[in-house]
Amino acid sequence: MRFSSLIQLDTPEFEIHFPAACRERNMGRLGTLTDLLTPEPIADLRDDEAAPLLADVEILLTGWRSRPLDAELRRRMPKLRMVAHLAGTVKGVLSPGTAAEGLTVVSAADANAKPVAEFTLAHILLHLKRVPEWRKVYRAERSAIATRRTVLAGPVGNSGRTVGIIGASRIGRLVAADLRHHGIAVLLHDPFVSEEAAAAMGARKVEMDALLRESDVVSLHQPLLPSTERSFGAAEFAKMRDGALLINTARGRIIDNDALVAAMTEGRIFAVLDVTDPEPLPDDSPLWSLPNVTVTPHIAGSFGCEVCDMTAMVLDDIERFTRNEPLQHEVIIADWERVA
């Protein structure tokens, strides 16, 4: 069955989601699967150029900074059946009410989870091998060092170590799966996951206090919700092991920033922060220059060729939709309140 489609992206955003390396292939595939109402993306569906097209839109493609689809626009698109989101969370584009009004919603969150999990795994392995500390020692000495007699902030090596994952999100589950290949024990704290489900992931479900006390690395993979905002504070930092690493690839506001600065200034533990509160940090934030802190500019998610994978994933579900086949990456509205 053929459906009419429209892409709601501004030009820079279109070039991100359809980079030159895969634009012809993906745009050609979209044109094969659907009848594109216009080959050019539309930045704002409220613009005059969009007005004559809205009544015929059946599949709407959106991205990271697409403008929200509100009730008024929904009324102007009576044929709309699917929102195909080329990025992760759809919460910036849809409200639960709008999404529940007979719409099928799919997203590329699963594809975006993969590079975040890879980023997380890389930092875990490098930290447990104490690479940042070796770099510091070697740079200071600039000569041969007695590596096996050098005392660092903690044990060296990955085998037999413990990583605590807070939040069994898509990314958290991928990280847990990856860690099993490295002889690393995984602890999980997530109130929505049973002990049996955690065990199926290769993890042991524990309370937060136990996770913080027993983990060499603590990695945050929670959605930002009222219940998780600033939920990691001074009490949590105090319970972490000496020399442990905190990784945040989730959202900056999950961590209390004042407590974070105090804990990192103390120098007892380490942090990798791909997200911060605010983002970016103020110029005078001590987190920029502390030797035990790595700050990256929200790069863990998909970039470059990884974005091609996200677009391809969404196109796969559009194809399934046109064939009336089960979808692989549908957003479940019933889970709205507890997912990113």
C-alpha atoms as a PDB file:
ATOM      1  CA  MET A   1       0.000   0.000   0.000  1.00  0.00           C
ATOM      2  CA  ARG A   2       1.306   3.456  -0.915  1.00  0.00           C
ATOM      3  CA  PHE A   3       1.261   6.286   1.597  1.00  0.00           C
ATOM      4  CA  SER A   4       2.036   9.981   1.183  1.00  0.00           C
ATOM      5  CA  SER A   5       4.962  11.254   3.228  1.00  0.00           C
ATOM      6  CA  LEU A   6       6.501  14.558   4.269  1.00  0.00           C
ATOM      7  CA  ILE A   7       9.824  15.378   5.945  1.00  0.00           C
ATOM      8  CA  GLN A   8       9.759  18.025   8.681  1.00  0.00           C
ATOM      9  CA  LEU A   9      13.394  19.104   9.065  1.00  0.00           C
ATOM     10  CA  ASP A  10      15.220  22.356   8.485  1.00  0.00           C
ATOM     11  CA  THR A  11      18.092  22.279   5.989  1.00  0.00           C
ATOM     12  CA  PRO A  12      20.960  21.782   8.498  1.00  0.00           C
ATOM     13  CA  GLU A  13      18.962  19.088  10.268  1.00  0.00           C
ATOM     14  CA  PHE A  14      18.177  17.377   6.964  1.00  0.00           C
ATOM     15  CA  GLU A  15      21.888  17.276   6.156  1.00  0.00           C
ATOM     16  CA  ILE A  16      22.551  15.647   9.541  1.00  0.00           C
ATOM     17  CA  HIS A  17      19.917  12.936   9.138  1.00  0.00           C
ATOM     18  CA  PHE A  18      20.602  12.448   5.431  1.00  0.00           C
ATOM     19  CA  PRO A  19      24.381  13.017   5.190  1.00  0.00           C
ATOM     20  CA  ALA A  20      25.916  13.058   1.728  1.00  0.00           C
ATOM     21  CA  ALA A  21      27.401   9.590   2.228  1.00  0.00           C
ATOM     22  CA  CYS A  22      23.953   7.963   2.357  1.00  0.00           C
ATOM     23  CA  ARG A  23      21.528  10.655   1.174  1.00  0.00           C
ATOM     24  CA  GLU A  24      20.921   9.319  -2.305  1.00  0.00           C
ATOM     25  CA  ARG A  25      20.391   5.786  -1.057  1.00  0.00           C
ATOM     26  CA  ASN A  26      18.037   6.696   1.788  1.00  0.00           C
ATOM     27  CA  MET A  27      16.093   9.352  -0.095  1.00  0.00           C
ATOM     28  CA  GLY A  28      15.738   6.967  -3.011  1.00  0.00           C
ATOM     29  CA  ARG A  29      14.435   4.293  -0.692  1.00  0.00           C
ATOM     30  CA  LEU A  30      11.953   6.691   0.932  1.00  0.00           C
ATOM     31  CA  GLY A  31      10.721   7.668  -2.522  1.00  0.00           C
ATOM     32  CA  THR A  32      10.258   4.014  -3.386  1.00  0.00           C
ATOM     33  CA  LEU A  33       8.346   3.227  -0.206  1.00  0.00           C
ATOM     34  CA  THR A  34       6.128   6.321  -0.171  1.00  0.00           C
ATOM     35  CA  ASP A  35       4.875   9.154  -2.339  1.00  0.00           C
ATOM     36  CA  LEU A  36       6.873  12.156  -1.176  1.00  0.00           C
ATOM     37  CA  LEU A  37       4.611  15.215  -1.259  1.00  0.00           C
ATOM     38  CA  THR A  38       7.722  17.327  -1.811  1.00  0.00           C
ATOM     39  CA  PRO A  39      11.328  16.165  -2.189  1.00  0.00           C
ATOM     40  CA  GLU A  40      12.547  19.064  -0.071  1.00  0.00           C
ATOM     41  CA  PRO A  41      12.148  19.018   3.711  1.00  0.00           C
ATOM     42  CA  ILE A  42       9.884  21.575   5.370  1.00  0.00           C
ATOM     43  CA  ALA A  43      11.257  23.285   8.458  1.00  0.00           C
ATOM     44  CA  ASP A  44       7.937  24.378   9.980  1.00  0.00           C
ATOM     45  CA  LEU A  45       4.556  22.834   9.205  1.00  0.00           C
ATOM     46  CA  ARG A  46       2.942  26.149  10.131  1.00  0.00           C
ATOM     47  CA  ASP A  47       4.588  27.912   7.187  1.00  0.00           C
ATOM     48  CA  ASP A  48       2.522  28.855   4.154  1.00  0.00           C
ATOM     49  CA  GLU A  49       4.435  26.423   1.922  1.00  0.00           C
ATOM     50  CA  ALA A  50       3.265  23.519   4.085  1.00  0.00           C
ATOM     51  CA  ALA A  51      -0.408  24.500   4.207  1.00  0.00           C
ATOM     52  CA  PRO A  52      -1.535  22.872   0.921  1.00  0.00           C
ATOM     53  CA  LEU A  53       0.278  19.631   1.791  1.00  0.00           C
ATOM     54  CA  LEU A  54      -0.975  18.947   5.296  1.00  0.00           C
ATOM     55  CA  ALA A  55      -4.321  17.477   4.335  1.00  0.00           C
ATOM     56  CA  ASP A  56      -2.589  14.673   2.419  1.00  0.00           C
ATOM     57  CA  VAL A  57       0.198  13.712   4.850  1.00  0.00           C
ATOM     58  CA  GLU A  58      -0.028  10.113   6.016  1.00  0.00           C
ATOM     59  CA  ILE A  59       3.560   9.548   7.205  1.00  0.00           C
ATOM     60  CA  LEU A  60       5.514  12.397   8.807  1.00  0.00           C
ATOM     61  CA  LEU A  61       9.279  12.099   9.261  1.00  0.00           C
ATOM     62  CA  THR A  62      10.785  14.175  12.079  1.00  0.00           C
ATOM     63  CA  GLY A  63      14.191  14.615  13.703  1.00  0.00           C
ATOM     64  CA  TRP A  64      16.119  16.019  16.672  1.00  0.00           C
ATOM     65  CA  ARG A  65      14.929  19.604  16.481  1.00  0.00           C
ATOM     66  CA  SER A  66      11.653  19.218  14.624  1.00  0.00           C
ATOM     67  CA  ARG A  67       8.929  21.533  15.871  1.00  0.00           C
ATOM     68  CA  PRO A  68       6.249  19.897  18.062  1.00  0.00           C
ATOM     69  CA  LEU A  69       3.151  18.406  16.507  1.00  0.00           C
ATOM     70  CA  ASP A  70       0.381  20.034  18.519  1.00  0.00           C
ATOM     71  CA  ALA A  71      -3.383  19.477  18.501  1.00  0.00           C
ATOM     72  CA  GLU A  72      -4.004  22.193  15.899  1.00  0.00           C
ATOM     73  CA  LEU A  73      -1.531  20.702  13.432  1.00  0.00           C
ATOM     74  CA  ARG A  74      -2.938  17.267  14.151  1.00  0.00           C
ATOM     75  CA  ARG A  75      -6.406  18.500  13.116  1.00  0.00           C
ATOM     76  CA  ARG A  76      -4.960  19.897   9.886  1.00  0.00           C
ATOM     77  CA  MET A  77      -3.522  16.468   9.050  1.00  0.00           C
ATOM     78  CA  PRO A  78      -6.628  14.245   9.158  1.00  0.00           C
ATOM     79  CA  LYS A  79      -4.932  11.446   7.177  1.00  0.00           C
ATOM     80  CA  LEU A  80      -1.835  11.279   9.374  1.00  0.00           C
ATOM     81  CA  ARG A  81      -1.243   7.685  10.452  1.00  0.00           C
ATOM     82  CA  MET A  82       2.431   7.515  11.363  1.00  0.00           C
ATOM     83  CA  VAL A  83       5.174   9.675  12.853  1.00  0.00           C
ATOM     84  CA  ALA A  84       8.576   8.250  11.949  1.00  0.00           C
ATOM     85  CA  HIS A  85      11.174   9.905  14.189  1.00  0.00           C
ATOM     86  CA  LEU A  86      14.720   9.779  12.845  1.00  0.00           C
ATOM     87  CA  ALA A  87      16.211  10.386  16.293  1.00  0.00           C
ATOM     88  CA  GLY A  88      15.813   9.009  19.823  1.00  0.00           C
ATOM     89  CA  THR A  89      13.203  10.380  22.200  1.00  0.00           C
ATOM     90  CA  VAL A  90       9.980  11.628  20.600  1.00  0.00           C
ATOM     91  CA  LYS A  91       8.995  13.731  23.616  1.00  0.00           C
ATOM     92  CA  GLY A  92      10.132  16.967  21.960  1.00  0.00           C
ATOM     93  CA  VAL A  93       7.853  16.297  18.995  1.00  0.00           C
ATOM     94  CA  LEU A  94       4.767  14.662  20.507  1.00  0.00           C
ATOM     95  CA  SER A  95       2.761  14.815  23.702  1.00  0.00           C
ATOM     96  CA  PRO A  96       1.194  11.625  25.095  1.00  0.00           C
ATOM     97  CA  GLY A  97      -2.254  12.895  24.104  1.00  0.00           C
ATOM     98  CA  THR A  98      -1.255  13.674  20.541  1.00  0.00           C
ATOM     99  CA  ALA A  99       0.625  10.405  20.198  1.00  0.00           C
ATOM    100  CA  ALA A 100      -2.329   8.388  21.494  1.00  0.00           C
ATOM    101  CA  GLU A 101      -4.794   9.765  18.945  1.00  0.00           C
ATOM    102  CA  GLY A 102      -4.622   6.861  16.542  1.00  0.00           C
ATOM    103  CA  LEU A 103      -0.999   7.438  15.553  1.00  0.00           C
ATOM    104  CA  THR A 104       1.677   4.843  15.056  1.00  0.00           C
ATOM    105  CA  VAL A 105       5.004   6.201  16.281  1.00  0.00           C
ATOM    106  CA  VAL A 106       8.433   4.720  15.584  1.00  0.00           C
ATOM    107  CA  SER A 107      11.867   6.060  16.448  1.00  0.00           C
ATOM    108  CA  ALA A 108      15.549   5.331  15.925  1.00  0.00           C
ATOM    109  CA  ALA A 109      16.273   5.152  19.663  1.00  0.00           C
ATOM    110  CA  ASP A 110      17.572   1.589  19.362  1.00  0.00           C
ATOM    111  CA  ALA A 111      20.102   2.590  16.706  1.00  0.00           C
ATOM    112  CA  ASN A 112      21.174   5.617  18.733  1.00  0.00           C
ATOM    113  CA  ALA A 113      21.718   3.413  21.790  1.00  0.00           C
ATOM    114  CA  LYS A 114      24.516   1.439  20.138  1.00  0.00           C
ATOM    115  CA  PRO A 115      27.167   4.212  19.884  1.00  0.00           C
ATOM    116  CA  VAL A 116      26.304   5.402  23.408  1.00  0.00           C
ATOM    117  CA  ALA A 117      26.899   1.898  24.731  1.00  0.00           C
ATOM    118  CA  GLU A 118      30.180   1.720  22.800  1.00  0.00           C
ATOM    119  CA  PHE A 119      31.283   5.078  24.242  1.00  0.00           C
ATOM    120  CA  THR A 120      30.416   3.862  27.737  1.00  0.00           C
ATOM    121  CA  LEU A 121      32.199   0.531  27.338  1.00  0.00           C
ATOM    122  CA  ALA A 122      35.333   2.224  26.026  1.00  0.00           C
ATOM    123  CA  HIS A 123      35.559   4.497  29.064  1.00  0.00           C
ATOM    124  CA  ILE A 124      34.898   1.608  31.451  1.00  0.00           C
ATOM    125  CA  LEU A 125      37.689  -0.514  29.999  1.00  0.00           C
ATOM    126  CA  LEU A 126      40.165   2.361  29.822  1.00  0.00           C
ATOM    127  CA  HIS A 127      39.410   3.426  33.387  1.00  0.00           C
ATOM    128  CA  LEU A 128      39.770  -0.063  34.839  1.00  0.00           C
ATOM    129  CA  LYS A 129      43.095  -0.345  33.009  1.00  0.00           C
ATOM    130  CA  ARG A 130      43.870   3.062  34.630  1.00  0.00           C
ATOM    131  CA  VAL A 131      44.875   4.570  31.285  1.00  0.00           C
ATOM    132  CA  PRO A 132      44.226   8.219  32.292  1.00  0.00           C
ATOM    133  CA  GLU A 133      46.428   7.778  35.366  1.00  0.00           C
ATOM    134  CA  TRP A 134      49.192   6.016  33.438  1.00  0.00           C
ATOM    135  CA  ARG A 135      49.124   8.886  30.966  1.00  0.00           C
ATOM    136  CA  LYS A 136      49.518  11.400  33.788  1.00  0.00           C
ATOM    137  CA  VAL A 137      52.410   9.502  35.413  1.00  0.00           C
ATOM    138  CA  TYR A 138      54.218   8.909  32.126  1.00  0.00           C
ATOM    139  CA  ARG A 139      53.805  12.520  31.038  1.00  0.00           C
ATOM    140  CA  ALA A 140      55.250  13.706  34.349  1.00  0.00           C
ATOM    141  CA  GLU A 141      58.253  11.353  34.297  1.00  0.00           C
ATOM    142  CA  ARG A 142      59.016  11.391  30.549  1.00  0.00           C
ATOM    143  CA  SER A 143      61.269   8.403  31.105  1.00  0.00           C
ATOM    144  CA  ALA A 144      61.016   4.703  31.893  1.00  0.00           C
ATOM    145  CA  ILE A 145      58.785   4.024  34.886  1.00  0.00           C
ATOM    146  CA  ALA A 146      58.486   0.967  37.096  1.00  0.00           C
ATOM    147  CA  THR A 147      54.962   0.201  35.938  1.00  0.00           C
ATOM    148  CA  ARG A 148      54.447  -2.886  38.090  1.00  0.00           C
ATOM    149  CA  ARG A 149      55.502  -1.048  41.238  1.00  0.00           C
ATOM    150  CA  THR A 150      53.581   2.148  40.515  1.00  0.00           C
ATOM    151  CA  VAL A 151      50.691   2.715  42.938  1.00  0.00           C
ATOM    152  CA  LEU A 152      47.598   4.174  41.259  1.00  0.00           C
ATOM    153  CA  ALA A 153      44.165   5.115  42.558  1.00  0.00           C
ATOM    154  CA  GLY A 154      42.932   1.528  42.464  1.00  0.00           C
ATOM    155  CA  PRO A 155      43.495  -1.977  41.072  1.00  0.00           C
ATOM    156  CA  VAL A 156      44.619  -2.255  37.449  1.00  0.00           C
ATOM    157  CA  GLY A 157      42.800  -4.454  34.929  1.00  0.00           C
ATOM    158  CA  ASN A 158      39.310  -5.457  33.853  1.00  0.00           C
ATOM    159  CA  SER A 159      39.029  -9.098  34.879  1.00  0.00           C
ATOM    160  CA  GLY A 160      37.016  -9.678  38.016  1.00  0.00           C
ATOM    161  CA  ARG A 161      35.916  -6.059  38.365  1.00  0.00           C
ATOM    162  CA  THR A 162      32.376  -4.777  39.006  1.00  0.00           C
ATOM    163  CA  VAL A 163      30.306  -2.225  37.120  1.00  0.00           C
ATOM    164  CA  GLY A 164      27.037  -0.826  38.448  1.00  0.00           C
ATOM    165  CA  ILE A 165      24.388   0.180  35.934  1.00  0.00           C
ATOM    166  CA  ILE A 166      21.622   2.506  37.094  1.00  0.00           C
ATOM    167  CA  GLY A 167      18.688   2.134  34.732  1.00  0.00           C
ATOM    168  CA  ALA A 168      17.955  -0.835  32.451  1.00  0.00           C
ATOM    169  CA  SER A 169      17.345   1.371  29.439  1.00  0.00           C
ATOM    170  CA  ARG A 170      18.204   0.302  25.902  1.00  0.00           C
ATOM    171  CA  ILE A 171      21.722   1.602  26.509  1.00  0.00           C
ATOM    172  CA  GLY A 172      22.019   0.072  29.967  1.00  0.00           C
ATOM    173  CA  ARG A 173      21.068  -3.334  28.599  1.00  0.00           C
ATOM    174  CA  LEU A 174      23.583  -3.063  25.763  1.00  0.00           C
ATOM    175  CA  VAL A 175      26.359  -2.091  28.183  1.00  0.00           C
ATOM    176  CA  ALA A 176      25.496  -5.038  30.426  1.00  0.00           C
ATOM    177  CA  ALA A 177      25.669  -7.389  27.441  1.00  0.00           C
ATOM    178  CA  ASP A 178      29.010  -5.950  26.333  1.00  0.00           C
ATOM    179  CA  LEU A 179      30.548  -6.285  29.790  1.00  0.00           C
ATOM    180  CA  ARG A 180      29.846 -10.015  29.929  1.00  0.00           C
ATOM    181  CA  HIS A 181      32.521 -10.515  27.256  1.00  0.00           C
ATOM    182  CA  HIS A 182      35.183  -8.960  29.515  1.00  0.00           C
ATOM    183  CA  GLY A 183      34.792 -10.963  32.701  1.00  0.00           C
ATOM    184  CA  ILE A 184      33.226  -7.980  34.481  1.00  0.00           C
ATOM    185  CA  ALA A 185      30.414  -8.490  36.998  1.00  0.00           C
ATOM    186  CA  VAL A 186      27.343  -6.298  36.448  1.00  0.00           C
ATOM    187  CA  LEU A 187      25.096  -4.910  39.175  1.00  0.00           C
ATOM    188  CA  LEU A 188      21.779  -3.328  38.213  1.00  0.00           C
ATOM    189  CA  HIS A 189      19.531  -0.891  40.018  1.00  0.00           C
ATOM    190  CA  ASP A 190      16.160  -0.346  38.355  1.00  0.00           C
ATOM    191  CA  PRO A 191      12.830  -0.404  40.237  1.00  0.00           C
ATOM    192  CA  PHE A 192      10.986  -1.597  37.113  1.00  0.00           C
ATOM    193  CA  VAL A 193      13.127  -4.702  36.554  1.00  0.00           C
ATOM    194  CA  SER A 194      12.723  -7.982  38.445  1.00  0.00           C
ATOM    195  CA  GLU A 195      15.610 -10.087  39.750  1.00  0.00           C
ATOM    196  CA  GLU A 196      14.819 -12.667  37.068  1.00  0.00           C
ATOM    197  CA  ALA A 197      14.863 -10.079  34.272  1.00  0.00           C
ATOM    198  CA  ALA A 198      18.142  -8.675  35.566  1.00  0.00           C
ATOM    199  CA  ALA A 199      19.652 -12.158  35.625  1.00  0.00           C
ATOM    200  CA  ALA A 200      18.549 -12.666  32.013  1.00  0.00           C
ATOM    201  CA  MET A 201      20.599  -9.565  31.166  1.00  0.00           C
ATOM    202  CA  GLY A 202      23.617 -11.036  32.925  1.00  0.00           C
ATOM    203  CA  ALA A 203      23.255  -8.680  35.904  1.00  0.00           C
ATOM    204  CA  ARG A 204      22.427  -8.958  39.591  1.00  0.00           C
ATOM    205  CA  LYS A 205      19.682  -6.649  40.811  1.00  0.00           C
ATOM    206  CA  VAL A 206      20.688  -4.720  43.931  1.00  0.00           C
ATOM    207  CA  GLU A 207      19.622  -1.706  45.934  1.00  0.00           C
ATOM    208  CA  MET A 208      21.332   1.590  45.209  1.00  0.00           C
ATOM    209  CA  ASP A 209      23.487   1.558  48.343  1.00  0.00           C
ATOM    210  CA  ALA A 210      24.936  -1.857  47.515  1.00  0.00           C
ATOM    211  CA  LEU A 211      25.610  -0.848  43.920  1.00  0.00           C
ATOM    212  CA  LEU A 212      27.522   2.254  44.979  1.00  0.00           C
ATOM    213  CA  ARG A 213      29.582   0.421  47.606  1.00  0.00           C
ATOM    214  CA  GLU A 214      30.521  -2.553  45.404  1.00  0.00           C
ATOM    215  CA  SER A 215      31.106  -0.976  41.981  1.00  0.00           C
ATOM    216  CA  ASP A 216      34.406   0.063  40.459  1.00  0.00           C
ATOM    217  CA  VAL A 217      32.427   2.001  37.827  1.00  0.00           C
ATOM    218  CA  VAL A 218      28.918   3.466  38.133  1.00  0.00           C
ATOM    219  CA  SER A 219      27.167   4.265  34.853  1.00  0.00           C
ATOM    220  CA  LEU A 220      23.945   6.259  34.639  1.00  0.00           C
ATOM    221  CA  HIS A 221      21.350   5.162  32.077  1.00  0.00           C
ATOM    222  CA  GLN A 222      18.124   6.584  33.484  1.00  0.00           C
ATOM    223  CA  PRO A 223      15.612   8.819  31.722  1.00  0.00           C
ATOM    224  CA  LEU A 224      15.212  12.330  33.104  1.00  0.00           C
ATOM    225  CA  LEU A 225      11.958  12.215  35.060  1.00  0.00           C
ATOM    226  CA  PRO A 226      10.697  14.122  38.116  1.00  0.00           C
ATOM    227  CA  SER A 227      11.755  11.114  40.189  1.00  0.00           C
ATOM    228  CA  THR A 228      15.297  11.023  38.776  1.00  0.00           C
ATOM    229  CA  GLU A 229      16.062  14.763  38.539  1.00  0.00           C
ATOM    230  CA  ARG A 230      19.046  15.500  40.824  1.00  0.00           C
ATOM    231  CA  SER A 231      18.628  12.044  42.351  1.00  0.00           C
ATOM    232  CA  PHE A 232      22.409  11.477  42.384  1.00  0.00           C
ATOM    233  CA  GLY A 233      23.761  13.784  45.047  1.00  0.00           C
ATOM    234  CA  ALA A 234      26.164  14.101  47.952  1.00  0.00           C
ATOM    235  CA  ALA A 235      24.923  10.948  49.701  1.00  0.00           C
ATOM    236  CA  GLU A 236      25.483   8.874  46.568  1.00  0.00           C
ATOM    237  CA  PHE A 237      28.965  10.259  45.943  1.00  0.00           C
ATOM    238  CA  ALA A 238      29.937   9.542  49.549  1.00  0.00           C
ATOM    239  CA  LYS A 239      29.093   5.859  49.149  1.00  0.00           C
ATOM    240  CA  MET A 240      31.217   5.324  46.040  1.00  0.00           C
ATOM    241  CA  ARG A 241      34.521   3.476  46.342  1.00  0.00           C
ATOM    242  CA  ASP A 242      37.808   5.341  46.375  1.00  0.00           C
ATOM    243  CA  GLY A 243      39.111   5.509  42.812  1.00  0.00           C
ATOM    244  CA  ALA A 244      35.733   4.602  41.299  1.00  0.00           C
ATOM    245  CA  LEU A 245      34.460   6.179  38.086  1.00  0.00           C
ATOM    246  CA  LEU A 246      31.051   7.772  37.476  1.00  0.00           C
ATOM    247  CA  ILE A 247      29.886   7.906  33.842  1.00  0.00           C
ATOM    248  CA  ASN A 248      26.935  10.034  32.795  1.00  0.00           C
ATOM    249  CA  THR A 249      25.704   9.670  29.214  1.00  0.00           C
ATOM    250  CA  ALA A 250      22.064  10.103  30.252  1.00  0.00           C
ATOM    251  CA  ARG A 251      21.049  13.641  31.239  1.00  0.00           C
ATOM    252  CA  GLY A 252      22.982  16.263  33.185  1.00  0.00           C
ATOM    253  CA  ARG A 253      20.164  17.091  35.586  1.00  0.00           C
ATOM    254  CA  ILE A 254      20.120  13.562  37.011  1.00  0.00           C
ATOM    255  CA  ILE A 255      23.190  14.633  39.016  1.00  0.00           C
ATOM    256  CA  ASP A 256      23.126  17.428  41.586  1.00  0.00           C
ATOM    257  CA  ASN A 257      25.747  19.751  40.103  1.00  0.00           C
ATOM    258  CA  ASP A 258      26.878  21.255  43.431  1.00  0.00           C
ATOM    259  CA  ALA A 259      27.421  17.786  44.853  1.00  0.00           C
ATOM    260  CA  LEU A 260      29.253  16.772  41.671  1.00  0.00           C
ATOM    261  CA  VAL A 261      31.648  19.714  41.875  1.00  0.00           C
ATOM    262  CA  ALA A 262      32.307  19.053  45.577  1.00  0.00           C
ATOM    263  CA  ALA A 263      32.961  15.341  45.018  1.00  0.00           C
ATOM    264  CA  MET A 264      35.253  15.907  42.060  1.00  0.00           C
ATOM    265  CA  THR A 265      37.167  18.688  43.809  1.00  0.00           C
ATOM    266  CA  GLU A 266      37.822  16.298  46.682  1.00  0.00           C
ATOM    267  CA  GLY A 267      39.619  14.124  44.121  1.00  0.00           C
ATOM    268  CA  ARG A 268      38.679  10.757  45.592  1.00  0.00           C
ATOM    269  CA  ILE A 269      36.752   9.519  42.524  1.00  0.00           C
ATOM    270  CA  PHE A 270      36.666  10.096  38.764  1.00  0.00           C
ATOM    271  CA  ALA A 271      33.960  11.174  36.320  1.00  0.00           C
ATOM    272  CA  VAL A 272      33.243  11.032  32.593  1.00  0.00           C
ATOM    273  CA  LEU A 273      30.508  13.531  31.757  1.00  0.00           C
ATOM    274  CA  ASP A 274      29.083  13.535  28.256  1.00  0.00           C
ATOM    275  CA  VAL A 275      26.118  15.533  29.571  1.00  0.00           C
ATOM    276  CA  THR A 276      26.156  18.274  32.189  1.00  0.00           C
ATOM    277  CA  ASP A 277      23.901  20.716  34.018  1.00  0.00           C
ATOM    278  CA  PRO A 278      23.894  23.244  32.492  1.00  0.00           C
ATOM    279  CA  GLU A 279      25.079  22.193  29.046  1.00  0.00           C
ATOM    280  CA  PRO A 280      27.613  23.486  28.260  1.00  0.00           C
ATOM    281  CA  LEU A 281      29.113  24.210  31.641  1.00  0.00           C
ATOM    282  CA  PRO A 282      29.869  27.813  32.594  1.00  0.00           C
ATOM    283  CA  ASP A 283      33.356  28.987  31.639  1.00  0.00           C
ATOM    284  CA  ASP A 284      34.368  29.185  35.288  1.00  0.00           C
ATOM    285  CA  SER A 285      33.211  25.696  36.240  1.00  0.00           C
ATOM    286  CA  PRO A 286      36.066  23.807  37.959  1.00  0.00           C
ATOM    287  CA  LEU A 287      34.940  20.641  36.139  1.00  0.00           C
ATOM    288  CA  TRP A 288      36.678  21.869  32.980  1.00  0.00           C
ATOM    289  CA  SER A 289      40.143  21.629  34.504  1.00  0.00           C
ATOM    290  CA  LEU A 290      39.998  19.003  37.244  1.00  0.00           C
ATOM    291  CA  PRO A 291      42.400  16.153  36.363  1.00  0.00           C
ATOM    292  CA  ASN A 292      39.943  13.469  37.485  1.00  0.00           C
ATOM    293  CA  VAL A 293      37.118  14.711  35.225  1.00  0.00           C
ATOM    294  CA  THR A 294      36.597  14.153  31.499  1.00  0.00           C
ATOM    295  CA  VAL A 295      33.955  16.386  29.919  1.00  0.00           C
ATOM    296  CA  THR A 296      32.811  15.699  26.351  1.00  0.00           C
ATOM    297  CA  PRO A 297      30.284  17.773  24.337  1.00  0.00           C
ATOM    298  CA  HIS A 298      27.337  15.335  24.217  1.00  0.00           C
ATOM    299  CA  ILE A 299      28.976  13.170  21.556  1.00  0.00           C
ATOM    300  CA  ALA A 300      28.204   9.664  22.808  1.00  0.00           C
ATOM    301  CA  GLY A 301      25.159   9.380  20.537  1.00  0.00           C
ATOM    302  CA  SER A 302      25.058   8.988  16.776  1.00  0.00           C
ATOM    303  CA  PHE A 303      27.271  11.064  14.506  1.00  0.00           C
ATOM    304  CA  GLY A 304      28.263  10.782  10.851  1.00  0.00           C
ATOM    305  CA  CYS A 305      27.864   7.267   9.502  1.00  0.00           C
ATOM    306  CA  GLU A 306      26.085   6.283  12.722  1.00  0.00           C
ATOM    307  CA  VAL A 307      23.227   8.627  11.787  1.00  0.00           C
ATOM    308  CA  CYS A 308      22.847   6.687   8.537  1.00  0.00           C
ATOM    309  CA  ASP A 309      22.088   3.635  10.679  1.00  0.00           C
ATOM    310  CA  MET A 310      19.350   5.552  12.506  1.00  0.00           C
ATOM    311  CA  THR A 311      17.720   6.675   9.280  1.00  0.00           C
ATOM    312  CA  ALA A 312      17.900   3.172   7.826  1.00  0.00           C
ATOM    313  CA  MET A 313      16.247   1.750  10.945  1.00  0.00           C
ATOM    314  CA  VAL A 314      13.301   4.121  10.620  1.00  0.00           C
ATOM    315  CA  LEU A 315      12.970   3.385   6.905  1.00  0.00           C
ATOM    316  CA  ASP A 316      12.866  -0.325   7.734  1.00  0.00           C
ATOM    317  CA  ASP A 317       9.834   0.272   9.959  1.00  0.00           C
ATOM    318  CA  ILE A 318       8.202   2.505   7.357  1.00  0.00           C
ATOM    319  CA  GLU A 319       8.536  -0.402   4.929  1.00  0.00           C
ATOM    320  CA  ARG A 320       6.978  -2.777   7.463  1.00  0.00           C
ATOM    321  CA  PHE A 321       4.156  -0.295   8.014  1.00  0.00           C
ATOM    322  CA  THR A 322       3.397  -0.090   4.290  1.00  0.00           C
ATOM    323  CA  ARG A 323       3.212  -3.895   4.195  1.00  0.00           C
ATOM    324  CA  ASN A 324       1.081  -4.103   7.344  1.00  0.00           C
ATOM    325  CA  GLU A 325       3.825  -6.103   9.061  1.00  0.00           C
ATOM    326  CA  PRO A 326       4.759  -5.979  12.775  1.00  0.00           C
ATOM    327  CA  LEU A 327       6.982  -3.019  13.606  1.00  0.00           C
ATOM    328  CA  GLN A 328      10.355  -3.458  15.304  1.00  0.00           C
ATOM    329  CA  HIS A 329      10.863  -0.023  16.872  1.00  0.00           C
ATOM    330  CA  GLU A 330       7.442   1.262  17.841  1.00  0.00           C
ATOM    331  CA  VAL A 331       7.142   3.761  20.694  1.00  0.00           C
ATOM    332  CA  ILE A 332       4.762   2.310  23.297  1.00  0.00           C
ATOM    333  CA  ILE A 333       2.638   5.133  24.693  1.00  0.00           C
ATOM    334  CA  ALA A 334       1.852   3.140  27.870  1.00  0.00           C
ATOM    335  CA  ASP A 335       5.548   3.403  28.808  1.00  0.00           C
ATOM    336  CA  TRP A 336       5.679   7.176  28.217  1.00  0.00           C
ATOM    337  CA  GLU A 337       6.078   8.231  31.852  1.00  0.00           C
ATOM    338  CA  ARG A 338       9.098   6.044  32.592  1.00  0.00           C
ATOM    339  CA  VAL A 339      11.171   6.166  29.414  1.00  0.00           C
ATOM    340  CA  ALA A 340      13.384   8.851  27.905  1.00  0.00           C
END
